[in-house]
Amino acid sequence: MTGEVTLRGRVLQIGGLKEKILAAKRVGIYTVILPERNQKDLADIPKHLLKGMTFVFADTMEEVLRAALRSSEPEESRVKPVKLLKSAKLLKRVPMRRSVAVVAGTPR
């Protein structure tokens, strides 16, 4: 991650775009968020370097965060039921009064 943001949240143009794209590709990153002002600079980069890459352009920090934090998997696949651990099932059998006393350190 590299670049500058103004106090008002505007994303500023970056330099060394070709090198940054190469570095991202080298480590297996194929989606890159770029400042909107760098969109015109992609025309100067050889097409073979852009192959397989996806670019998201952002003008504000809000747009950067929205793009960076969105999930690529469908929502229903992110929520999975979890089995209770054996210890969690045992806790259900402990009377509340006793468990509170033990936690608080008071005599039983």
PDB file of N, CA and C in Angstrom:
ATOM      1  N   MET A   1       0.861  -1.167   0.000  1.00  0.00           N
ATOM      2  CA  MET A   1       0.000   0.000   0.000  1.00  0.00           C
ATOM      3  C   MET A   1       0.902   1.222   0.000  1.00  0.00           C
ATOM      4  N   THR A   2       0.578   2.142  -0.852  1.00  0.00           N
ATOM      5  CA  THR A   2       1.404   3.336  -0.970  1.00  0.00           C
ATOM      6  C   THR A   2       0.540   4.499  -1.433  1.00  0.00           C
ATOM      7  N   GLY A   3       0.961   5.697  -1.149  1.00  0.00           N
ATOM      8  CA  GLY A   3       0.231   6.864  -1.621  1.00  0.00           C
ATOM      9  C   GLY A   3      -0.018   7.869  -0.524  1.00  0.00           C
ATOM     10  N   GLU A   4      -0.730   8.910  -0.894  1.00  0.00           N
ATOM     11  CA  GLU A   4      -1.040   9.985   0.042  1.00  0.00           C
ATOM     12  C   GLU A   4      -2.519  10.314   0.005  1.00  0.00           C
ATOM     13  N   VAL A   5      -3.009  10.766   1.156  1.00  0.00           N
ATOM     14  CA  VAL A   5      -4.405  11.174   1.296  1.00  0.00           C
ATOM     15  C   VAL A   5      -4.410  12.553   1.938  1.00  0.00           C
ATOM     16  N   THR A   6      -5.249  13.451   1.429  1.00  0.00           N
ATOM     17  CA  THR A   6      -5.340  14.786   2.025  1.00  0.00           C
ATOM     18  C   THR A   6      -6.120  14.707   3.335  1.00  0.00           C
ATOM     19  N   LEU A   7      -6.100  15.797   4.079  1.00  0.00           N
ATOM     20  CA  LEU A   7      -6.859  15.850   5.332  1.00  0.00           C
ATOM     21  C   LEU A   7      -8.356  15.683   5.103  1.00  0.00           C
ATOM     22  N   ARG A   8      -8.817  15.999   3.927  1.00  0.00           N
ATOM     23  CA  ARG A   8     -10.242  15.860   3.591  1.00  0.00           C
ATOM     24  C   ARG A   8     -10.570  14.512   2.952  1.00  0.00           C
ATOM     25  N   GLY A   9      -9.569  13.616   2.891  1.00  0.00           N
ATOM     26  CA  GLY A   9      -9.824  12.277   2.392  1.00  0.00           C
ATOM     27  C   GLY A   9      -9.692  12.082   0.896  1.00  0.00           C
ATOM     28  N   ARG A  10      -9.115  13.043   0.197  1.00  0.00           N
ATOM     29  CA  ARG A  10      -8.900  12.904  -1.254  1.00  0.00           C
ATOM     30  C   ARG A  10      -7.636  12.068  -1.482  1.00  0.00           C
ATOM     31  N   VAL A  11      -7.717  11.133  -2.403  1.00  0.00           N
ATOM     32  CA  VAL A  11      -6.581  10.277  -2.734  1.00  0.00           C
ATOM     33  C   VAL A  11      -5.753  10.972  -3.814  1.00  0.00           C
ATOM     34  N   LEU A  12      -4.455  11.129  -3.548  1.00  0.00           N
ATOM     35  CA  LEU A  12      -3.574  11.833  -4.476  1.00  0.00           C
ATOM     36  C   LEU A  12      -2.895  10.866  -5.442  1.00  0.00           C
ATOM     37  N   GLN A  13      -2.450  11.398  -6.557  1.00  0.00           N
ATOM     38  CA  GLN A  13      -1.782  10.627  -7.599  1.00  0.00           C
ATOM     39  C   GLN A  13      -0.477  10.024  -7.070  1.00  0.00           C
ATOM     40  N   ILE A  14      -0.125   8.840  -7.586  1.00  0.00           N
ATOM     41  CA  ILE A  14       1.114   8.182  -7.180  1.00  0.00           C
ATOM     42  C   ILE A  14       2.082   8.128  -8.354  1.00  0.00           C
ATOM     43  N   GLY A  15       3.347   7.904  -8.053  1.00  0.00           N
ATOM     44  CA  GLY A  15       4.366   7.703  -9.077  1.00  0.00           C
ATOM     45  C   GLY A  15       4.803   6.247  -9.067  1.00  0.00           C
ATOM     46  N   GLY A  16       5.594   5.857 -10.049  1.00  0.00           N
ATOM     47  CA  GLY A  16       6.114   4.496 -10.102  1.00  0.00           C
ATOM     48  C   GLY A  16       5.043   3.442 -10.304  1.00  0.00           C
ATOM     49  N   LEU A  17       4.037   3.777 -11.097  1.00  0.00           N
ATOM     50  CA  LEU A  17       2.891   2.878 -11.287  1.00  0.00           C
ATOM     51  C   LEU A  17       3.306   1.533 -11.877  1.00  0.00           C
ATOM     52  N   LYS A  18       4.172   1.553 -12.872  1.00  0.00           N
ATOM     53  CA  LYS A  18       4.609   0.309 -13.519  1.00  0.00           C
ATOM     54  C   LYS A  18       5.279  -0.619 -12.504  1.00  0.00           C
ATOM     55  N   GLU A  19       6.159  -0.087 -11.694  1.00  0.00           N
ATOM     56  CA  GLU A  19       6.871  -0.877 -10.694  1.00  0.00           C
ATOM     57  C   GLU A  19       5.914  -1.445  -9.650  1.00  0.00           C
ATOM     58  N   LYS A  20       4.926  -0.662  -9.279  1.00  0.00           N
ATOM     59  CA  LYS A  20       3.953  -1.122  -8.281  1.00  0.00           C
ATOM     60  C   LYS A  20       3.090  -2.253  -8.839  1.00  0.00           C
ATOM     61  N   ILE A  21       2.721  -2.148 -10.102  1.00  0.00           N
ATOM     62  CA  ILE A  21       1.931  -3.206 -10.737  1.00  0.00           C
ATOM     63  C   ILE A  21       2.764  -4.485 -10.845  1.00  0.00           C
ATOM     64  N   LEU A  22       4.028  -4.350 -11.239  1.00  0.00           N
ATOM     65  CA  LEU A  22       4.925  -5.508 -11.311  1.00  0.00           C
ATOM     66  C   LEU A  22       5.079  -6.179  -9.944  1.00  0.00           C
ATOM     67  N   ALA A  23       5.262  -5.382  -8.908  1.00  0.00           N
ATOM     68  CA  ALA A  23       5.422  -5.919  -7.556  1.00  0.00           C
ATOM     69  C   ALA A  23       4.158  -6.647  -7.102  1.00  0.00           C
ATOM     70  N   ALA A  24       2.995  -6.075  -7.391  1.00  0.00           N
ATOM     71  CA  ALA A  24       1.728  -6.721  -7.020  1.00  0.00           C
ATOM     72  C   ALA A  24       1.600  -8.067  -7.719  1.00  0.00           C
ATOM     73  N   LYS A  25       1.864  -8.089  -9.007  1.00  0.00           N
ATOM     74  CA  LYS A  25       1.779  -9.331  -9.787  1.00  0.00           C
ATOM     75  C   LYS A  25       2.752 -10.383  -9.261  1.00  0.00           C
ATOM     76  N   ARG A  26       3.929  -9.954  -8.903  1.00  0.00           N
ATOM     77  CA  ARG A  26       4.977 -10.857  -8.421  1.00  0.00           C
ATOM     78  C   ARG A  26       4.542 -11.609  -7.163  1.00  0.00           C
ATOM     79  N   VAL A  27       3.757 -10.962  -6.306  1.00  0.00           N
ATOM     80  CA  VAL A  27       3.322 -11.614  -5.065  1.00  0.00           C
ATOM     81  C   VAL A  27       1.901 -12.163  -5.156  1.00  0.00           C
ATOM     82  N   GLY A  28       1.329 -12.182  -6.359  1.00  0.00           N
ATOM     83  CA  GLY A  28       0.023 -12.809  -6.547  1.00  0.00           C
ATOM     84  C   GLY A  28      -1.172 -11.911  -6.303  1.00  0.00           C
ATOM     85  N   ILE A  29      -0.978 -10.614  -6.347  1.00  0.00           N
ATOM     86  CA  ILE A  29      -2.095  -9.673  -6.200  1.00  0.00           C
ATOM     87  C   ILE A  29      -2.524  -9.244  -7.597  1.00  0.00           C
ATOM     88  N   TYR A  30      -3.788  -9.499  -7.922  1.00  0.00           N
ATOM     89  CA  TYR A  30      -4.266  -9.208  -9.277  1.00  0.00           C
ATOM     90  C   TYR A  30      -5.358  -8.143  -9.319  1.00  0.00           C
ATOM     91  N   THR A  31      -5.753  -7.642  -8.167  1.00  0.00           N
ATOM     92  CA  THR A  31      -6.680  -6.512  -8.104  1.00  0.00           C
ATOM     93  C   THR A  31      -5.959  -5.388  -7.377  1.00  0.00           C
ATOM     94  N   VAL A  32      -5.871  -4.239  -8.021  1.00  0.00           N
ATOM     95  CA  VAL A  32      -5.125  -3.114  -7.466  1.00  0.00           C
ATOM     96  C   VAL A  32      -6.036  -1.893  -7.418  1.00  0.00           C
ATOM     97  N   ILE A  33      -6.050  -1.229  -6.271  1.00  0.00           N
ATOM     98  CA  ILE A  33      -6.811   0.014  -6.110  1.00  0.00           C
ATOM     99  C   ILE A  33      -5.850   1.164  -6.400  1.00  0.00           C
ATOM    100  N   LEU A  34      -6.242   1.999  -7.338  1.00  0.00           N
ATOM    101  CA  LEU A  34      -5.389   3.116  -7.756  1.00  0.00           C
ATOM    102  C   LEU A  34      -6.122   4.444  -7.621  1.00  0.00           C
ATOM    103  N   PRO A  35      -5.349   5.532  -7.454  1.00  0.00           N
ATOM    104  CA  PRO A  35      -5.976   6.850  -7.482  1.00  0.00           C
ATOM    105  C   PRO A  35      -6.623   7.105  -8.845  1.00  0.00           C
ATOM    106  N   GLU A  36      -7.765   7.737  -8.831  1.00  0.00           N
ATOM    107  CA  GLU A  36      -8.477   8.088 -10.072  1.00  0.00           C
ATOM    108  C   GLU A  36      -7.559   8.847 -11.028  1.00  0.00           C
ATOM    109  N   ARG A  37      -6.720   9.706 -10.473  1.00  0.00           N
ATOM    110  CA  ARG A  37      -5.827  10.541 -11.292  1.00  0.00           C
ATOM    111  C   ARG A  37      -4.748   9.739 -12.022  1.00  0.00           C
ATOM    112  N   ASN A  38      -4.549   8.466 -11.647  1.00  0.00           N
ATOM    113  CA  ASN A  38      -3.570   7.625 -12.330  1.00  0.00           C
ATOM    114  C   ASN A  38      -4.172   6.806 -13.468  1.00  0.00           C
ATOM    115  N   GLN A  39      -5.464   6.919 -13.682  1.00  0.00           N
ATOM    116  CA  GLN A  39      -6.113   6.112 -14.716  1.00  0.00           C
ATOM    117  C   GLN A  39      -5.477   6.349 -16.089  1.00  0.00           C
ATOM    118  N   LYS A  40      -5.164   7.579 -16.386  1.00  0.00           N
ATOM    119  CA  LYS A  40      -4.569   7.914 -17.694  1.00  0.00           C
ATOM    120  C   LYS A  40      -3.179   7.306 -17.854  1.00  0.00           C
ATOM    121  N   ASP A  41      -2.483   7.034 -16.747  1.00  0.00           N
ATOM    122  CA  ASP A  41      -1.121   6.500 -16.798  1.00  0.00           C
ATOM    123  C   ASP A  41      -1.070   5.035 -17.226  1.00  0.00           C
ATOM    124  N   LEU A  42      -2.180   4.332 -17.133  1.00  0.00           N
ATOM    125  CA  LEU A  42      -2.199   2.927 -17.541  1.00  0.00           C
ATOM    126  C   LEU A  42      -1.904   2.777 -19.034  1.00  0.00           C
ATOM    127  N   ALA A  43      -2.197   3.806 -19.815  1.00  0.00           N
ATOM    128  CA  ALA A  43      -1.940   3.763 -21.261  1.00  0.00           C
ATOM    129  C   ALA A  43      -0.443   3.656 -21.559  1.00  0.00           C
ATOM    130  N   ASP A  44       0.404   4.088 -20.631  1.00  0.00           N
ATOM    131  CA  ASP A  44       1.855   4.058 -20.827  1.00  0.00           C
ATOM    132  C   ASP A  44       2.490   2.724 -20.427  1.00  0.00           C
ATOM    133  N   ILE A  45       1.704   1.829 -19.846  1.00  0.00           N
ATOM    134  CA  ILE A  45       2.234   0.556 -19.354  1.00  0.00           C
ATOM    135  C   ILE A  45       2.008  -0.525 -20.409  1.00  0.00           C
ATOM    136  N   PRO A  46       3.031  -1.331 -20.692  1.00  0.00           N
ATOM    137  CA  PRO A  46       2.880  -2.392 -21.698  1.00  0.00           C
ATOM    138  C   PRO A  46       1.690  -3.310 -21.394  1.00  0.00           C
ATOM    139  N   LYS A  47       0.968  -3.654 -22.440  1.00  0.00           N
ATOM    140  CA  LYS A  47      -0.265  -4.451 -22.297  1.00  0.00           C
ATOM    141  C   LYS A  47      -0.015  -5.797 -21.626  1.00  0.00           C
ATOM    142  N   HIS A  48       1.153  -6.424 -21.885  1.00  0.00           N
ATOM    143  CA  HIS A  48       1.406  -7.739 -21.281  1.00  0.00           C
ATOM    144  C   HIS A  48       1.501  -7.659 -19.756  1.00  0.00           C
ATOM    145  N   LEU A  49       1.861  -6.504 -19.210  1.00  0.00           N
ATOM    146  CA  LEU A  49       1.904  -6.335 -17.756  1.00  0.00           C
ATOM    147  C   LEU A  49       0.506  -6.164 -17.165  1.00  0.00           C
ATOM    148  N   LEU A  50      -0.412  -5.644 -17.970  1.00  0.00           N
ATOM    149  CA  LEU A  50      -1.778  -5.400 -17.489  1.00  0.00           C
ATOM    150  C   LEU A  50      -2.662  -6.642 -17.606  1.00  0.00           C
ATOM    151  N   LYS A  51      -2.196  -7.635 -18.380  1.00  0.00           N
ATOM    152  CA  LYS A  51      -2.995  -8.835 -18.616  1.00  0.00           C
ATOM    153  C   LYS A  51      -3.268  -9.566 -17.297  1.00  0.00           C
ATOM    154  N   GLY A  52      -4.536  -9.872 -17.070  1.00  0.00           N
ATOM    155  CA  GLY A  52      -4.942 -10.582 -15.856  1.00  0.00           C
ATOM    156  C   GLY A  52      -5.132  -9.693 -14.642  1.00  0.00           C
ATOM    157  N   MET A  53      -4.894  -8.410 -14.792  1.00  0.00           N
ATOM    158  CA  MET A  53      -5.015  -7.478 -13.669  1.00  0.00           C
ATOM    159  C   MET A  53      -6.371  -6.778 -13.718  1.00  0.00           C
ATOM    160  N   THR A  54      -6.883  -6.454 -12.535  1.00  0.00           N
ATOM    161  CA  THR A  54      -8.105  -5.663 -12.402  1.00  0.00           C
ATOM    162  C   THR A  54      -7.738  -4.399 -11.637  1.00  0.00           C
ATOM    163  N   PHE A  55      -8.198  -3.260 -12.135  1.00  0.00           N
ATOM    164  CA  PHE A  55      -7.895  -1.993 -11.477  1.00  0.00           C
ATOM    165  C   PHE A  55      -9.186  -1.335 -11.019  1.00  0.00           C
ATOM    166  N   VAL A  56      -9.173  -0.895  -9.765  1.00  0.00           N
ATOM    167  CA  VAL A  56     -10.298  -0.156  -9.187  1.00  0.00           C
ATOM    168  C   VAL A  56      -9.768   1.250  -8.931  1.00  0.00           C
ATOM    169  N   PHE A  57     -10.466   2.242  -9.447  1.00  0.00           N
ATOM    170  CA  PHE A  57     -10.008   3.623  -9.300  1.00  0.00           C
ATOM    171  C   PHE A  57     -10.824   4.328  -8.226  1.00  0.00           C
ATOM    172  N   ALA A  58     -10.121   5.054  -7.364  1.00  0.00           N
ATOM    173  CA  ALA A  58     -10.772   5.729  -6.247  1.00  0.00           C
ATOM    174  C   ALA A  58     -10.301   7.172  -6.171  1.00  0.00           C
ATOM    175  N   ASP A  59     -11.222   8.046  -5.809  1.00  0.00           N
ATOM    176  CA  ASP A  59     -10.913   9.463  -5.661  1.00  0.00           C
ATOM    177  C   ASP A  59     -10.901   9.878  -4.189  1.00  0.00           C
ATOM    178  N   THR A  60     -11.568   9.093  -3.341  1.00  0.00           N
ATOM    179  CA  THR A  60     -11.634   9.411  -1.911  1.00  0.00           C
ATOM    180  C   THR A  60     -11.247   8.181  -1.091  1.00  0.00           C
ATOM    181  N   MET A  61     -10.867   8.411   0.148  1.00  0.00           N
ATOM    182  CA  MET A  61     -10.509   7.326   1.051  1.00  0.00           C
ATOM    183  C   MET A  61     -11.709   6.420   1.304  1.00  0.00           C
ATOM    184  N   GLU A  62     -12.896   6.997   1.318  1.00  0.00           N
ATOM    185  CA  GLU A  62     -14.115   6.202   1.487  1.00  0.00           C
ATOM    186  C   GLU A  62     -14.230   5.167   0.364  1.00  0.00           C
ATOM    187  N   GLU A  63     -13.947   5.578  -0.864  1.00  0.00           N
ATOM    188  CA  GLU A  63     -13.995   4.656  -2.001  1.00  0.00           C
ATOM    189  C   GLU A  63     -12.915   3.578  -1.886  1.00  0.00           C
ATOM    190  N   VAL A  64     -11.736   3.952  -1.403  1.00  0.00           N
ATOM    191  CA  VAL A  64     -10.649   2.984  -1.211  1.00  0.00           C
ATOM    192  C   VAL A  64     -11.074   1.919  -0.210  1.00  0.00           C
ATOM    193  N   LEU A  65     -11.588   2.353   0.928  1.00  0.00           N
ATOM    194  CA  LEU A  65     -11.992   1.402   1.966  1.00  0.00           C
ATOM    195  C   LEU A  65     -13.129   0.509   1.497  1.00  0.00           C
ATOM    196  N   ARG A  66     -14.088   1.083   0.804  1.00  0.00           N
ATOM    197  CA  ARG A  66     -15.210   0.290   0.294  1.00  0.00           C
ATOM    198  C   ARG A  66     -14.697  -0.810  -0.637  1.00  0.00           C
ATOM    199  N   ALA A  67     -13.770  -0.465  -1.512  1.00  0.00           N
ATOM    200  CA  ALA A  67     -13.224  -1.445  -2.456  1.00  0.00           C
ATOM    201  C   ALA A  67     -12.338  -2.475  -1.752  1.00  0.00           C
ATOM    202  N   ALA A  68     -11.543  -2.021  -0.800  1.00  0.00           N
ATOM    203  CA  ALA A  68     -10.598  -2.920  -0.131  1.00  0.00           C
ATOM    204  C   ALA A  68     -11.277  -3.884   0.829  1.00  0.00           C
ATOM    205  N   LEU A  69     -12.370  -3.456   1.445  1.00  0.00           N
ATOM    206  CA  LEU A  69     -12.995  -4.275   2.483  1.00  0.00           C
ATOM    207  C   LEU A  69     -14.165  -5.109   1.997  1.00  0.00           C
ATOM    208  N   ARG A  70     -14.542  -4.974   0.751  1.00  0.00           N
ATOM    209  CA  ARG A  70     -15.650  -5.792   0.267  1.00  0.00           C
ATOM    210  C   ARG A  70     -15.165  -7.224   0.103  1.00  0.00           C
ATOM    211  N   SER A  71     -16.084  -8.141   0.323  1.00  0.00           N
ATOM    212  CA  SER A  71     -15.745  -9.553   0.219  1.00  0.00           C
ATOM    213  C   SER A  71     -15.975 -10.036  -1.201  1.00  0.00           C
ATOM    214  N   SER A  72     -15.131 -10.920  -1.653  1.00  0.00           N
ATOM    215  CA  SER A  72     -15.286 -11.460  -3.001  1.00  0.00           C
ATOM    216  C   SER A  72     -16.177 -12.697  -3.028  1.00  0.00           C
ATOM    217  N   GLU A  73     -16.501 -13.238  -1.852  1.00  0.00           N
ATOM    218  CA  GLU A  73     -17.362 -14.415  -1.830  1.00  0.00           C
ATOM    219  C   GLU A  73     -18.792 -14.025  -1.483  1.00  0.00           C
ATOM    220  N   PRO A  74     -19.765 -14.780  -1.971  1.00  0.00           N
ATOM    221  CA  PRO A  74     -21.165 -14.461  -1.675  1.00  0.00           C
ATOM    222  C   PRO A  74     -21.434 -14.490  -0.174  1.00  0.00           C
ATOM    223  N   GLU A  75     -22.338 -13.629   0.267  1.00  0.00           N
ATOM    224  CA  GLU A  75     -22.614 -13.497   1.691  1.00  0.00           C
ATOM    225  C   GLU A  75     -23.033 -14.814   2.327  1.00  0.00           C
ATOM    226  N   GLU A  76     -23.859 -15.604   1.628  1.00  0.00           N
ATOM    227  CA  GLU A  76     -24.339 -16.848   2.230  1.00  0.00           C
ATOM    228  C   GLU A  76     -23.207 -17.841   2.479  1.00  0.00           C
ATOM    229  N   SER A  77     -22.115 -17.749   1.739  1.00  0.00           N
ATOM    230  CA  SER A  77     -21.014 -18.683   1.964  1.00  0.00           C
ATOM    231  C   SER A  77     -20.114 -18.243   3.115  1.00  0.00           C
ATOM    232  N   ARG A  78     -20.245 -17.006   3.571  1.00  0.00           N
ATOM    233  CA  ARG A  78     -19.422 -16.527   4.680  1.00  0.00           C
ATOM    234  C   ARG A  78     -19.963 -16.953   6.028  1.00  0.00           C
ATOM    235  N   VAL A  79     -21.257 -17.214   6.123  1.00  0.00           N
ATOM    236  CA  VAL A  79     -21.867 -17.578   7.399  1.00  0.00           C
ATOM    237  C   VAL A  79     -22.037 -19.086   7.422  1.00  0.00           C
ATOM    238  N   LYS A  80     -21.328 -19.729   8.358  1.00  0.00           N
ATOM    239  CA  LYS A  80     -21.405 -21.176   8.442  1.00  0.00           C
ATOM    240  C   LYS A  80     -21.764 -21.567   9.871  1.00  0.00           C
ATOM    241  N   PRO A  81     -22.647 -22.561  10.035  1.00  0.00           N
ATOM    242  CA  PRO A  81     -22.977 -23.012  11.384  1.00  0.00           C
ATOM    243  C   PRO A  81     -21.749 -23.647  12.037  1.00  0.00           C
ATOM    244  N   VAL A  82     -21.635 -23.474  13.337  1.00  0.00           N
ATOM    245  CA  VAL A  82     -20.503 -24.016  14.079  1.00  0.00           C
ATOM    246  C   VAL A  82     -21.026 -24.958  15.147  1.00  0.00           C
ATOM    247  N   LYS A  83     -20.405 -26.124  15.269  1.00  0.00           N
ATOM    248  CA  LYS A  83     -20.787 -27.060  16.321  1.00  0.00           C
ATOM    249  C   LYS A  83     -20.254 -26.544  17.652  1.00  0.00           C
ATOM    250  N   LEU A  84     -21.026 -26.766  18.706  1.00  0.00           N
ATOM    251  CA  LEU A  84     -20.564 -26.383  20.033  1.00  0.00           C
ATOM    252  C   LEU A  84     -19.425 -27.296  20.450  1.00  0.00           C
ATOM    253  N   LEU A  85     -18.431 -26.736  21.074  1.00  0.00           N
ATOM    254  CA  LEU A  85     -17.355 -27.555  21.616  1.00  0.00           C
ATOM    255  C   LEU A  85     -17.880 -28.321  22.815  1.00  0.00           C
ATOM    256  N   LYS A  86     -17.252 -29.437  23.133  1.00  0.00           N
ATOM    257  CA  LYS A  86     -17.681 -30.240  24.276  1.00  0.00           C
ATOM    258  C   LYS A  86     -17.667 -29.397  25.553  1.00  0.00           C
ATOM    259  N   SER A  87     -16.644 -28.560  25.723  1.00  0.00           N
ATOM    260  CA  SER A  87     -16.559 -27.722  26.924  1.00  0.00           C
ATOM    261  C   SER A  87     -17.713 -26.725  26.987  1.00  0.00           C
ATOM    262  N   ALA A  88     -18.165 -26.221  25.845  1.00  0.00           N
ATOM    263  CA  ALA A  88     -19.291 -25.289  25.828  1.00  0.00           C
ATOM    264  C   ALA A  88     -20.573 -25.997  26.237  1.00  0.00           C
ATOM    265  N   LYS A  89     -20.736 -27.256  25.841  1.00  0.00           N
ATOM    266  CA  LYS A  89     -21.913 -28.027  26.242  1.00  0.00           C
ATOM    267  C   LYS A  89     -21.897 -28.272  27.743  1.00  0.00           C
ATOM    268  N   LEU A  90     -20.714 -28.518  28.307  1.00  0.00           N
ATOM    269  CA  LEU A  90     -20.606 -28.739  29.747  1.00  0.00           C
ATOM    270  C   LEU A  90     -20.976 -27.483  30.522  1.00  0.00           C
ATOM    271  N   LEU A  91     -20.625 -26.317  29.994  1.00  0.00           N
ATOM    272  CA  LEU A  91     -20.941 -25.060  30.674  1.00  0.00           C
ATOM    273  C   LEU A  91     -22.440 -24.857  30.819  1.00  0.00           C
ATOM    274  N   LYS A  92     -23.205 -25.386  29.897  1.00  0.00           N
ATOM    275  CA  LYS A  92     -24.656 -25.244  29.979  1.00  0.00           C
ATOM    276  C   LYS A  92     -25.204 -25.936  31.221  1.00  0.00           C
ATOM    277  N   ARG A  93     -24.500 -26.963  31.708  1.00  0.00           N
ATOM    278  CA  ARG A  93     -24.979 -27.725  32.869  1.00  0.00           C
ATOM    279  C   ARG A  93     -24.607 -27.074  34.200  1.00  0.00           C
ATOM    280  N   VAL A  94     -23.681 -26.123  34.187  1.00  0.00           N
ATOM    281  CA  VAL A  94     -23.251 -25.479  35.431  1.00  0.00           C
ATOM    282  C   VAL A  94     -24.287 -24.440  35.833  1.00  0.00           C
ATOM    283  N   PRO A  95     -24.809 -24.533  37.086  1.00  0.00           N
ATOM    284  CA  PRO A  95     -25.791 -23.530  37.522  1.00  0.00           C
ATOM    285  C   PRO A  95     -25.166 -22.128  37.495  1.00  0.00           C
ATOM    286  N   MET A  96     -25.934 -21.141  37.075  1.00  0.00           N
ATOM    287  CA  MET A  96     -25.436 -19.776  36.927  1.00  0.00           C
ATOM    288  C   MET A  96     -24.896 -19.228  38.236  1.00  0.00           C
ATOM    289  N   ARG A  97     -25.598 -19.457  39.329  1.00  0.00           N
ATOM    290  CA  ARG A  97     -25.183 -18.914  40.620  1.00  0.00           C
ATOM    291  C   ARG A  97     -23.773 -19.384  40.962  1.00  0.00           C
ATOM    292  N   ARG A  98     -23.515 -20.668  40.805  1.00  0.00           N
ATOM    293  CA  ARG A  98     -22.209 -21.216  41.147  1.00  0.00           C
ATOM    294  C   ARG A  98     -21.122 -20.670  40.218  1.00  0.00           C
ATOM    295  N   SER A  99     -21.392 -20.595  38.942  1.00  0.00           N
ATOM    296  CA  SER A  99     -20.360 -20.122  38.020  1.00  0.00           C
ATOM    297  C   SER A  99     -20.009 -18.660  38.278  1.00  0.00           C
ATOM    298  N   VAL A 100     -20.983 -17.849  38.663  1.00  0.00           N
ATOM    299  CA  VAL A 100     -20.723 -16.446  38.983  1.00  0.00           C
ATOM    300  C   VAL A 100     -19.890 -16.353  40.252  1.00  0.00           C
ATOM    301  N   ALA A 101     -20.181 -17.185  41.246  1.00  0.00           N
ATOM    302  CA  ALA A 101     -19.432 -17.174  42.501  1.00  0.00           C
ATOM    303  C   ALA A 101     -17.975 -17.562  42.263  1.00  0.00           C
ATOM    304  N   VAL A 102     -17.754 -18.549  41.433  1.00  0.00           N
ATOM    305  CA  VAL A 102     -16.391 -18.986  41.157  1.00  0.00           C
ATOM    306  C   VAL A 102     -15.619 -17.890  40.431  1.00  0.00           C
ATOM    307  N   VAL A 103     -16.237 -17.254  39.472  1.00  0.00           N
ATOM    308  CA  VAL A 103     -15.574 -16.186  38.731  1.00  0.00           C
ATOM    309  C   VAL A 103     -15.263 -15.011  39.647  1.00  0.00           C
ATOM    310  N   ALA A 104     -16.200 -14.675  40.516  1.00  0.00           N
ATOM    311  CA  ALA A 104     -16.019 -13.524  41.399  1.00  0.00           C
ATOM    312  C   ALA A 104     -15.071 -13.828  42.548  1.00  0.00           C
ATOM    313  N   GLY A 105     -14.740 -15.111  42.767  1.00  0.00           N
ATOM    314  CA  GLY A 105     -13.817 -15.470  43.827  1.00  0.00           C
ATOM    315  C   GLY A 105     -14.467 -15.568  45.198  1.00  0.00           C
ATOM    316  N   THR A 106     -15.774 -15.604  45.272  1.00  0.00           N
ATOM    317  CA  THR A 106     -16.449 -15.740  46.564  1.00  0.00           C
ATOM    318  C   THR A 106     -16.553 -17.211  46.935  1.00  0.00           C
ATOM    319  N   PRO A 107     -16.676 -17.516  48.211  1.00  0.00           N
ATOM    320  CA  PRO A 107     -16.791 -18.922  48.629  1.00  0.00           C
ATOM    321  C   PRO A 107     -18.066 -19.550  48.075  1.00  0.00           C
ATOM    322  N   ARG A 108     -18.015 -20.850  47.892  1.00  0.00           N
ATOM    323  CA  ARG A 108     -19.166 -21.580  47.345  1.00  0.00           C
ATOM    324  C   ARG A 108     -20.232 -21.793  48.360  1.00  0.00           C
TER     325      ARG A 108
END
